[in-house]
């Protein structure tokens, strides 16, 4: 499995991507998100691909997108995270979250924190994010669809010790 930035060669995958009514209570469709990303240079539509199969989708949003959820100017917002309805229960969401920190460090080296907002009623997503390393520090906000739990994942900063050894630090 790999994470890729959206481009128009993936349009067929996007058109086949299915979300249930339950999923749509909490997230937007990839098509809507891609339209927003194409109009906003601070939004990046990301595809979780297993071979030629689109299994997960999300958006990374910098700067203005993060401001309602974090004061950290080096944070990025994870939003609109979903798994294709027909691919649920196969571990793809967990795999995506496992790949996410390295993807962010590689493509957004200035970022030291990934932030997300999850609806208090979306228990399954909360559990998934916790298993993926996101922490709930008790922050809450009101969103369009109800109360949101703000969660964050602090990326390790790689530093060199005095003896030349490379060490990772949790921020």
N, C-alpha and C. Protein backbone atom coordinates (compact mmCIF):
# COMPACT_ATOMS: atom_id res chain seq x y z
N UNK A 1 0.84 -1.18 0.00
CA UNK A 1 0.00 0.00 0.00
C UNK A 1 0.89 1.24 0.00
N UNK A 2 0.41 2.29 -0.69
CA UNK A 2 1.16 3.55 -0.73
C UNK A 2 0.22 4.74 -0.74
N UNK A 3 0.74 5.89 -0.29
CA UNK A 3 -0.01 7.14 -0.29
C UNK A 3 0.50 7.99 -1.43
N UNK A 4 -0.44 8.53 -2.21
CA UNK A 4 -0.09 9.32 -3.39
C UNK A 4 -0.92 10.60 -3.44
N UNK A 5 -0.31 11.67 -3.95
CA UNK A 5 -1.06 12.89 -4.19
C UNK A 5 -2.01 12.65 -5.35
N UNK A 6 -3.22 13.20 -5.26
CA UNK A 6 -4.19 13.06 -6.34
C UNK A 6 -3.70 13.81 -7.58
N UNK A 7 -3.93 13.21 -8.73
CA UNK A 7 -3.86 13.93 -10.00
C UNK A 7 -4.92 13.31 -10.91
N UNK A 8 -5.18 13.94 -12.03
CA UNK A 8 -6.31 13.54 -12.88
C UNK A 8 -6.24 12.12 -13.44
N UNK A 9 -5.08 11.50 -13.40
CA UNK A 9 -5.01 10.11 -13.89
C UNK A 9 -5.80 9.16 -12.98
N UNK A 10 -6.16 9.63 -11.76
CA UNK A 10 -6.90 8.80 -10.81
C UNK A 10 -8.40 9.05 -10.83
N UNK A 11 -8.89 9.81 -11.79
CA UNK A 11 -10.31 10.19 -11.82
C UNK A 11 -11.23 8.96 -11.83
N UNK A 12 -10.85 7.90 -12.55
CA UNK A 12 -11.68 6.70 -12.58
C UNK A 12 -11.80 6.07 -11.19
N UNK A 13 -10.70 6.06 -10.45
CA UNK A 13 -10.72 5.52 -9.08
C UNK A 13 -11.66 6.35 -8.20
N UNK A 14 -11.62 7.64 -8.36
CA UNK A 14 -12.46 8.54 -7.55
C UNK A 14 -13.93 8.28 -7.87
N UNK A 15 -14.25 8.11 -9.12
CA UNK A 15 -15.64 7.88 -9.52
C UNK A 15 -16.18 6.55 -9.00
N UNK A 16 -15.31 5.57 -8.77
CA UNK A 16 -15.73 4.26 -8.27
C UNK A 16 -15.76 4.19 -6.74
N UNK A 17 -15.16 5.17 -6.09
CA UNK A 17 -15.04 5.18 -4.63
C UNK A 17 -16.42 5.34 -4.01
N UNK A 18 -16.76 4.47 -3.07
CA UNK A 18 -18.11 4.44 -2.49
C UNK A 18 -18.07 4.74 -1.00
N UNK A 19 -18.96 5.63 -0.57
CA UNK A 19 -19.16 5.91 0.85
C UNK A 19 -20.62 5.62 1.19
N UNK A 20 -20.85 5.04 2.37
CA UNK A 20 -22.21 4.75 2.81
C UNK A 20 -22.86 6.02 3.35
N UNK A 21 -24.16 5.97 3.57
CA UNK A 21 -24.88 7.10 4.17
C UNK A 21 -24.31 7.41 5.55
N UNK A 22 -23.98 6.37 6.31
CA UNK A 22 -23.39 6.55 7.64
C UNK A 22 -22.07 7.30 7.54
N UNK A 23 -21.20 6.92 6.59
CA UNK A 23 -19.93 7.60 6.41
C UNK A 23 -20.15 9.06 6.03
N UNK A 24 -21.12 9.31 5.18
CA UNK A 24 -21.38 10.67 4.71
C UNK A 24 -21.91 11.59 5.81
N UNK A 25 -22.35 11.01 6.94
CA UNK A 25 -22.75 11.84 8.08
C UNK A 25 -21.55 12.59 8.64
N UNK A 26 -20.35 12.04 8.46
CA UNK A 26 -19.16 12.59 9.10
C UNK A 26 -18.10 13.12 8.14
N UNK A 27 -18.19 12.82 6.87
CA UNK A 27 -17.13 13.21 5.94
C UNK A 27 -17.69 13.61 4.58
N UNK A 28 -16.87 14.31 3.81
CA UNK A 28 -17.24 14.69 2.45
C UNK A 28 -16.78 13.64 1.47
N UNK A 29 -17.30 13.72 0.27
CA UNK A 29 -16.89 12.77 -0.78
C UNK A 29 -15.53 13.19 -1.33
N UNK A 30 -14.76 12.22 -1.83
CA UNK A 30 -13.48 12.59 -2.46
C UNK A 30 -13.66 13.61 -3.58
N UNK A 31 -14.71 13.48 -4.37
CA UNK A 31 -14.93 14.43 -5.47
C UNK A 31 -15.06 15.86 -4.94
N UNK A 32 -15.88 16.04 -3.89
CA UNK A 32 -16.03 17.37 -3.28
C UNK A 32 -14.70 17.88 -2.76
N UNK A 33 -13.96 17.00 -2.11
CA UNK A 33 -12.67 17.38 -1.52
C UNK A 33 -11.65 17.75 -2.60
N UNK A 34 -11.63 17.01 -3.68
CA UNK A 34 -10.70 17.30 -4.78
C UNK A 34 -11.03 18.66 -5.39
N UNK A 35 -12.31 18.94 -5.56
CA UNK A 35 -12.71 20.26 -6.09
C UNK A 35 -12.20 21.37 -5.19
N UNK A 36 -12.34 21.19 -3.87
CA UNK A 36 -11.84 22.19 -2.91
C UNK A 36 -10.32 22.30 -2.97
N UNK A 37 -9.63 21.16 -3.10
CA UNK A 37 -8.17 21.15 -3.18
C UNK A 37 -7.67 21.86 -4.43
N UNK A 38 -8.39 21.69 -5.52
CA UNK A 38 -7.96 22.32 -6.76
C UNK A 38 -8.15 23.84 -6.72
N UNK A 39 -9.04 24.30 -5.85
CA UNK A 39 -9.28 25.73 -5.71
C UNK A 39 -8.44 26.36 -4.60
N UNK A 40 -7.80 25.54 -3.76
CA UNK A 40 -7.06 26.03 -2.60
C UNK A 40 -5.68 25.38 -2.57
N UNK A 41 -4.62 26.15 -2.82
CA UNK A 41 -3.27 25.57 -2.87
C UNK A 41 -2.75 25.06 -1.53
N UNK A 42 -3.49 25.28 -0.45
CA UNK A 42 -3.07 24.78 0.87
C UNK A 42 -3.72 23.44 1.21
N UNK A 43 -4.57 22.92 0.30
CA UNK A 43 -5.22 21.61 0.50
C UNK A 43 -4.63 20.60 -0.47
N UNK A 44 -4.39 19.40 0.04
CA UNK A 44 -3.80 18.33 -0.77
C UNK A 44 -4.64 17.07 -0.62
N UNK A 45 -5.21 16.61 -1.72
CA UNK A 45 -5.98 15.37 -1.72
C UNK A 45 -5.02 14.21 -1.84
N UNK A 46 -5.16 13.25 -0.92
CA UNK A 46 -4.23 12.12 -0.84
C UNK A 46 -5.00 10.81 -0.99
N UNK A 47 -4.46 9.92 -1.80
CA UNK A 47 -5.08 8.62 -2.06
C UNK A 47 -4.28 7.52 -1.40
N UNK A 48 -4.97 6.61 -0.74
CA UNK A 48 -4.36 5.39 -0.23
C UNK A 48 -4.62 4.29 -1.25
N UNK A 49 -3.58 3.87 -1.94
CA UNK A 49 -3.72 2.91 -3.03
C UNK A 49 -3.13 1.56 -2.65
N UNK A 50 -3.89 0.51 -2.96
CA UNK A 50 -3.38 -0.86 -2.86
C UNK A 50 -3.32 -1.36 -4.30
N UNK A 51 -2.15 -1.27 -4.89
CA UNK A 51 -2.02 -1.55 -6.32
C UNK A 51 -2.79 -0.49 -7.09
N UNK A 52 -3.74 -0.93 -7.92
CA UNK A 52 -4.57 0.01 -8.69
C UNK A 52 -5.90 0.32 -8.01
N UNK A 53 -6.06 -0.12 -6.77
CA UNK A 53 -7.32 0.03 -6.05
C UNK A 53 -7.23 1.17 -5.05
N UNK A 54 -8.13 2.14 -5.16
CA UNK A 54 -8.22 3.23 -4.20
C UNK A 54 -8.98 2.72 -2.98
N UNK A 55 -8.30 2.66 -1.82
CA UNK A 55 -8.91 2.08 -0.63
C UNK A 55 -9.20 3.12 0.46
N UNK A 56 -8.37 4.17 0.53
CA UNK A 56 -8.62 5.24 1.49
C UNK A 56 -8.39 6.58 0.82
N UNK A 57 -8.96 7.61 1.43
CA UNK A 57 -8.84 8.96 0.89
C UNK A 57 -8.82 9.94 2.06
N UNK A 58 -8.04 11.00 1.93
CA UNK A 58 -8.06 12.08 2.92
C UNK A 58 -7.45 13.33 2.32
N UNK A 59 -7.58 14.42 3.06
CA UNK A 59 -7.02 15.70 2.67
C UNK A 59 -6.07 16.16 3.77
N UNK A 60 -4.94 16.71 3.36
CA UNK A 60 -4.05 17.40 4.28
C UNK A 60 -4.19 18.89 3.98
N UNK A 61 -4.40 19.69 5.03
CA UNK A 61 -4.70 21.11 4.87
C UNK A 61 -3.73 21.91 5.73
N UNK A 62 -2.99 22.80 5.10
CA UNK A 62 -2.01 23.61 5.80
C UNK A 62 -2.59 24.98 6.16
N UNK A 63 -1.85 25.71 6.97
CA UNK A 63 -2.08 27.11 7.31
C UNK A 63 -3.49 27.43 7.77
N UNK A 64 -4.30 28.06 6.94
CA UNK A 64 -5.64 28.50 7.35
C UNK A 64 -6.53 27.33 7.80
N UNK A 65 -6.36 26.18 7.20
CA UNK A 65 -7.17 25.02 7.56
C UNK A 65 -6.94 24.53 8.97
N UNK A 66 -5.71 24.70 9.47
CA UNK A 66 -5.34 24.21 10.80
C UNK A 66 -5.78 25.18 11.90
N UNK A 67 -5.84 26.47 11.58
CA UNK A 67 -6.03 27.51 12.60
C UNK A 67 -7.20 27.30 13.55
N UNK A 68 -8.35 26.79 13.09
CA UNK A 68 -9.44 26.58 14.06
C UNK A 68 -9.14 25.48 15.09
N UNK A 69 -8.11 24.67 14.84
CA UNK A 69 -7.86 23.49 15.67
C UNK A 69 -6.52 23.49 16.40
N UNK A 70 -5.60 24.37 16.00
CA UNK A 70 -4.28 24.37 16.61
C UNK A 70 -3.63 25.74 16.46
N UNK A 71 -2.85 26.12 17.47
CA UNK A 71 -2.07 27.36 17.40
C UNK A 71 -0.68 27.10 16.82
N UNK A 72 -0.36 25.85 16.56
CA UNK A 72 0.96 25.48 16.04
C UNK A 72 1.05 25.83 14.56
N UNK A 73 1.91 26.79 14.22
CA UNK A 73 2.05 27.21 12.82
C UNK A 73 2.71 26.13 11.95
N UNK A 74 3.29 25.11 12.59
CA UNK A 74 3.92 24.01 11.85
C UNK A 74 3.05 22.75 11.83
N UNK A 75 1.78 22.90 12.13
CA UNK A 75 0.86 21.75 12.11
C UNK A 75 0.18 21.65 10.75
N UNK A 76 -0.32 20.46 10.46
CA UNK A 76 -1.12 20.22 9.26
C UNK A 76 -2.38 19.49 9.71
N UNK A 77 -3.50 19.79 9.07
CA UNK A 77 -4.78 19.20 9.43
C UNK A 77 -5.09 18.00 8.54
N UNK A 78 -5.42 16.88 9.17
CA UNK A 78 -5.92 15.70 8.46
C UNK A 78 -7.43 15.83 8.47
N UNK A 79 -8.03 15.85 7.27
CA UNK A 79 -9.49 15.99 7.20
C UNK A 79 -10.06 15.07 6.13
N UNK A 80 -11.37 14.83 6.24
CA UNK A 80 -12.11 14.03 5.25
C UNK A 80 -11.54 12.62 5.09
N UNK A 81 -11.04 12.03 6.16
CA UNK A 81 -10.47 10.68 6.10
C UNK A 81 -11.60 9.67 5.93
N UNK A 82 -11.45 8.79 4.94
CA UNK A 82 -12.45 7.74 4.73
C UNK A 82 -11.82 6.51 4.12
N UNK A 83 -12.55 5.42 4.24
CA UNK A 83 -12.20 4.15 3.59
C UNK A 83 -13.35 3.80 2.67
N UNK A 84 -13.02 3.36 1.47
CA UNK A 84 -14.06 2.93 0.54
C UNK A 84 -14.95 1.90 1.25
N UNK A 85 -16.26 2.06 1.12
CA UNK A 85 -17.22 1.21 1.81
C UNK A 85 -16.92 -0.29 1.59
N UNK A 86 -16.56 -0.65 0.36
CA UNK A 86 -16.33 -2.05 0.03
C UNK A 86 -14.97 -2.56 0.50
N UNK A 87 -14.13 -1.67 1.03
CA UNK A 87 -12.81 -2.06 1.51
C UNK A 87 -12.69 -1.98 3.04
N UNK A 88 -13.80 -1.64 3.71
CA UNK A 88 -13.78 -1.52 5.16
C UNK A 88 -13.53 -2.88 5.81
N UNK A 89 -12.89 -2.84 6.98
CA UNK A 89 -12.65 -4.06 7.74
C UNK A 89 -11.46 -4.86 7.27
N UNK A 90 -10.68 -4.32 6.35
CA UNK A 90 -9.53 -5.04 5.81
C UNK A 90 -8.20 -4.48 6.31
N UNK A 91 -8.26 -3.52 7.23
CA UNK A 91 -7.04 -2.96 7.81
C UNK A 91 -6.44 -1.79 7.03
N UNK A 92 -7.11 -1.34 5.99
CA UNK A 92 -6.55 -0.26 5.17
C UNK A 92 -6.45 1.07 5.92
N UNK A 93 -7.44 1.39 6.73
CA UNK A 93 -7.39 2.65 7.48
C UNK A 93 -6.20 2.64 8.44
N UNK A 94 -5.99 1.53 9.14
CA UNK A 94 -4.84 1.41 10.06
C UNK A 94 -3.53 1.54 9.30
N UNK A 95 -3.44 0.87 8.15
CA UNK A 95 -2.22 0.94 7.34
C UNK A 95 -1.97 2.37 6.89
N UNK A 96 -3.02 3.06 6.49
CA UNK A 96 -2.89 4.44 6.04
C UNK A 96 -2.34 5.31 7.15
N UNK A 97 -2.91 5.18 8.35
CA UNK A 97 -2.44 5.98 9.48
C UNK A 97 -1.00 5.63 9.86
N UNK A 98 -0.61 4.39 9.64
CA UNK A 98 0.77 3.98 9.92
C UNK A 98 1.74 4.63 8.93
N UNK A 99 1.32 4.78 7.67
CA UNK A 99 2.15 5.39 6.63
C UNK A 99 2.15 6.93 6.71
N UNK A 100 1.13 7.50 7.32
CA UNK A 100 0.93 8.95 7.32
C UNK A 100 2.10 9.75 7.88
N UNK A 101 2.65 9.43 9.06
CA UNK A 101 3.73 10.27 9.59
C UNK A 101 4.94 10.40 8.65
N UNK A 102 5.37 9.29 8.08
CA UNK A 102 6.51 9.33 7.17
C UNK A 102 6.17 10.11 5.90
N UNK A 103 4.94 9.94 5.39
CA UNK A 103 4.49 10.68 4.21
C UNK A 103 4.55 12.18 4.49
N UNK A 104 4.05 12.59 5.65
CA UNK A 104 4.04 14.01 6.01
C UNK A 104 5.47 14.52 6.16
N UNK A 105 6.33 13.77 6.88
CA UNK A 105 7.72 14.22 7.07
C UNK A 105 8.44 14.37 5.73
N UNK A 106 8.18 13.47 4.80
CA UNK A 106 8.84 13.50 3.50
C UNK A 106 8.35 14.67 2.64
N UNK A 107 7.03 14.87 2.62
CA UNK A 107 6.45 15.86 1.70
C UNK A 107 6.23 17.24 2.31
N UNK A 108 6.23 17.32 3.63
CA UNK A 108 6.02 18.59 4.33
C UNK A 108 7.03 18.66 5.47
N UNK A 109 8.33 18.82 5.17
CA UNK A 109 9.36 18.72 6.19
C UNK A 109 9.24 19.76 7.32
N UNK A 110 8.55 20.85 7.08
CA UNK A 110 8.37 21.88 8.10
C UNK A 110 7.32 21.50 9.14
N UNK A 111 6.51 20.48 8.85
CA UNK A 111 5.42 20.09 9.73
C UNK A 111 5.93 19.23 10.89
N UNK A 112 5.49 19.57 12.12
CA UNK A 112 5.89 18.78 13.28
C UNK A 112 4.69 18.21 14.04
N UNK A 113 3.48 18.44 13.52
CA UNK A 113 2.28 17.92 14.19
C UNK A 113 1.17 17.72 13.16
N UNK A 114 0.47 16.61 13.29
CA UNK A 114 -0.73 16.34 12.48
C UNK A 114 -1.92 16.47 13.43
N UNK A 115 -2.88 17.29 13.04
CA UNK A 115 -4.05 17.56 13.86
C UNK A 115 -5.29 17.06 13.12
N UNK A 116 -6.28 16.60 13.86
CA UNK A 116 -7.56 16.23 13.24
C UNK A 116 -8.69 16.57 14.20
N UNK A 117 -9.88 16.67 13.64
CA UNK A 117 -11.09 16.90 14.43
C UNK A 117 -12.06 15.77 14.09
N UNK A 118 -12.53 15.05 15.11
CA UNK A 118 -13.43 13.92 14.89
C UNK A 118 -14.70 14.16 15.69
N UNK A 119 -15.83 13.86 15.09
CA UNK A 119 -17.13 14.05 15.74
C UNK A 119 -17.23 13.15 16.97
N UNK A 120 -17.78 13.71 18.06
CA UNK A 120 -17.90 12.93 19.30
C UNK A 120 -18.78 11.69 19.11
N UNK A 121 -19.67 11.73 18.11
CA UNK A 121 -20.55 10.58 17.85
C UNK A 121 -19.88 9.50 17.01
N UNK A 122 -18.73 9.81 16.43
CA UNK A 122 -18.04 8.87 15.55
C UNK A 122 -17.01 8.06 16.37
N UNK A 123 -17.54 7.15 17.18
CA UNK A 123 -16.73 6.36 18.10
C UNK A 123 -15.71 5.49 17.36
N UNK A 124 -16.12 4.87 16.27
CA UNK A 124 -15.21 3.99 15.51
C UNK A 124 -13.99 4.77 15.03
N UNK A 125 -14.21 5.97 14.53
CA UNK A 125 -13.08 6.79 14.05
C UNK A 125 -12.18 7.20 15.20
N UNK A 126 -12.77 7.56 16.34
CA UNK A 126 -11.96 7.94 17.50
C UNK A 126 -11.03 6.80 17.90
N UNK A 127 -11.56 5.59 17.94
CA UNK A 127 -10.75 4.42 18.32
C UNK A 127 -9.64 4.18 17.29
N UNK A 128 -9.97 4.31 16.03
CA UNK A 128 -8.98 4.14 14.96
C UNK A 128 -7.84 5.14 15.13
N UNK A 129 -8.19 6.40 15.35
CA UNK A 129 -7.16 7.43 15.48
C UNK A 129 -6.29 7.19 16.71
N UNK A 130 -6.90 6.76 17.81
CA UNK A 130 -6.11 6.45 19.02
C UNK A 130 -5.12 5.33 18.72
N UNK A 131 -5.59 4.28 18.04
CA UNK A 131 -4.70 3.16 17.68
C UNK A 131 -3.60 3.62 16.73
N UNK A 132 -3.90 4.67 15.94
CA UNK A 132 -2.92 5.22 15.01
C UNK A 132 -1.94 6.19 15.65
N UNK A 133 -2.04 6.38 16.96
CA UNK A 133 -1.09 7.24 17.66
C UNK A 133 -1.55 8.65 17.94
N UNK A 134 -2.78 8.98 17.57
CA UNK A 134 -3.30 10.32 17.84
C UNK A 134 -3.74 10.41 19.30
N UNK A 135 -3.53 11.58 19.89
CA UNK A 135 -3.82 11.79 21.30
C UNK A 135 -4.93 12.81 21.47
N UNK A 136 -5.88 12.48 22.35
CA UNK A 136 -6.95 13.40 22.73
C UNK A 136 -6.50 14.10 24.00
N UNK A 137 -6.23 15.41 23.89
CA UNK A 137 -5.78 16.19 25.05
C UNK A 137 -6.94 16.94 25.71
N UNK A 138 -8.17 16.57 25.33
CA UNK A 138 -9.34 17.18 25.97
C UNK A 138 -9.88 18.42 25.28
N UNK A 139 -9.33 18.82 24.15
CA UNK A 139 -9.83 20.00 23.43
C UNK A 139 -11.08 19.64 22.64
N UNK A 140 -12.05 20.53 22.68
CA UNK A 140 -13.31 20.34 21.95
C UNK A 140 -13.64 21.62 21.18
N UNK A 141 -14.31 21.47 20.04
CA UNK A 141 -14.79 22.59 19.24
C UNK A 141 -16.16 22.20 18.70
N UNK A 142 -16.93 23.20 18.34
CA UNK A 142 -18.21 22.93 17.67
C UNK A 142 -17.97 22.98 16.17
N UNK A 143 -18.48 21.99 15.46
CA UNK A 143 -18.38 21.95 14.01
C UNK A 143 -19.76 22.01 13.39
N UNK A 144 -19.82 21.96 12.08
CA UNK A 144 -21.10 22.01 11.36
C UNK A 144 -22.01 20.85 11.72
N UNK A 145 -21.40 19.70 12.04
CA UNK A 145 -22.17 18.48 12.32
C UNK A 145 -22.12 18.07 13.78
N UNK A 146 -21.81 19.03 14.68
CA UNK A 146 -21.80 18.73 16.11
C UNK A 146 -20.44 18.93 16.75
N UNK A 147 -20.35 18.47 18.00
CA UNK A 147 -19.12 18.65 18.78
C UNK A 147 -17.99 17.80 18.23
N UNK A 148 -16.79 18.38 18.21
CA UNK A 148 -15.61 17.72 17.67
C UNK A 148 -14.55 17.54 18.76
N UNK A 149 -13.89 16.41 18.71
CA UNK A 149 -12.73 16.13 19.56
C UNK A 149 -11.49 16.45 18.73
N UNK A 150 -10.61 17.28 19.27
CA UNK A 150 -9.37 17.62 18.57
C UNK A 150 -8.30 16.64 19.04
N UNK A 151 -7.67 15.98 18.08
CA UNK A 151 -6.62 15.00 18.39
C UNK A 151 -5.36 15.40 17.64
N UNK A 152 -4.21 15.00 18.17
CA UNK A 152 -2.97 15.35 17.49
C UNK A 152 -1.95 14.21 17.55
N UNK A 153 -1.07 14.25 16.59
CA UNK A 153 0.03 13.30 16.49
C UNK A 153 1.29 14.13 16.32
N UNK A 154 2.19 14.06 17.28
CA UNK A 154 3.44 14.82 17.22
C UNK A 154 4.48 14.00 16.48
N UNK A 155 5.03 14.59 15.43
CA UNK A 155 6.04 13.90 14.63
C UNK A 155 7.38 13.96 15.32
N UNK A 156 8.15 12.91 15.14
CA UNK A 156 9.50 12.90 15.70
C UNK A 156 10.38 13.82 14.89
N UNK A 157 11.19 14.57 15.59
CA UNK A 157 12.22 15.36 14.93
C UNK A 157 13.48 14.53 14.98
N UNK A 158 14.13 14.41 13.87
CA UNK A 158 15.38 13.66 13.84
C UNK A 158 16.50 14.63 14.16
N UNK A 159 17.34 14.26 15.10
CA UNK A 159 18.47 15.12 15.45
C UNK A 159 19.70 14.25 15.59
N UNK A 160 20.82 14.90 15.48
CA UNK A 160 22.09 14.19 15.61
C UNK A 160 22.65 14.45 17.00
N UNK A 161 23.05 13.39 17.68
CA UNK A 161 23.65 13.56 19.00
C UNK A 161 25.11 13.99 18.84
N UNK A 162 25.75 14.28 19.93
CA UNK A 162 27.14 14.74 19.90
C UNK A 162 28.09 13.73 19.28
N UNK A 163 27.81 12.44 19.42
CA UNK A 163 28.71 11.43 18.87
C UNK A 163 28.32 11.02 17.45
N UNK A 164 27.44 11.80 16.80
CA UNK A 164 27.09 11.53 15.41
C UNK A 164 25.94 10.55 15.23
N UNK A 165 25.43 10.00 16.34
CA UNK A 165 24.33 9.05 16.28
C UNK A 165 23.02 9.81 16.02
N UNK A 166 22.16 9.24 15.19
CA UNK A 166 20.89 9.90 14.90
C UNK A 166 19.85 9.40 15.89
N UNK A 167 19.10 10.34 16.47
CA UNK A 167 18.08 9.99 17.45
C UNK A 167 16.78 10.65 17.05
N UNK A 168 15.68 10.02 17.41
CA UNK A 168 14.35 10.62 17.17
C UNK A 168 13.78 11.14 18.48
N UNK A 169 13.23 12.31 18.45
CA UNK A 169 12.60 12.90 19.63
C UNK A 169 11.13 13.13 19.36
N UNK A 170 10.29 12.76 20.30
CA UNK A 170 8.89 13.12 20.20
C UNK A 170 8.78 14.58 20.58
N UNK A 171 8.08 15.34 19.80
CA UNK A 171 7.88 16.76 20.10
C UNK A 171 6.74 16.87 21.08
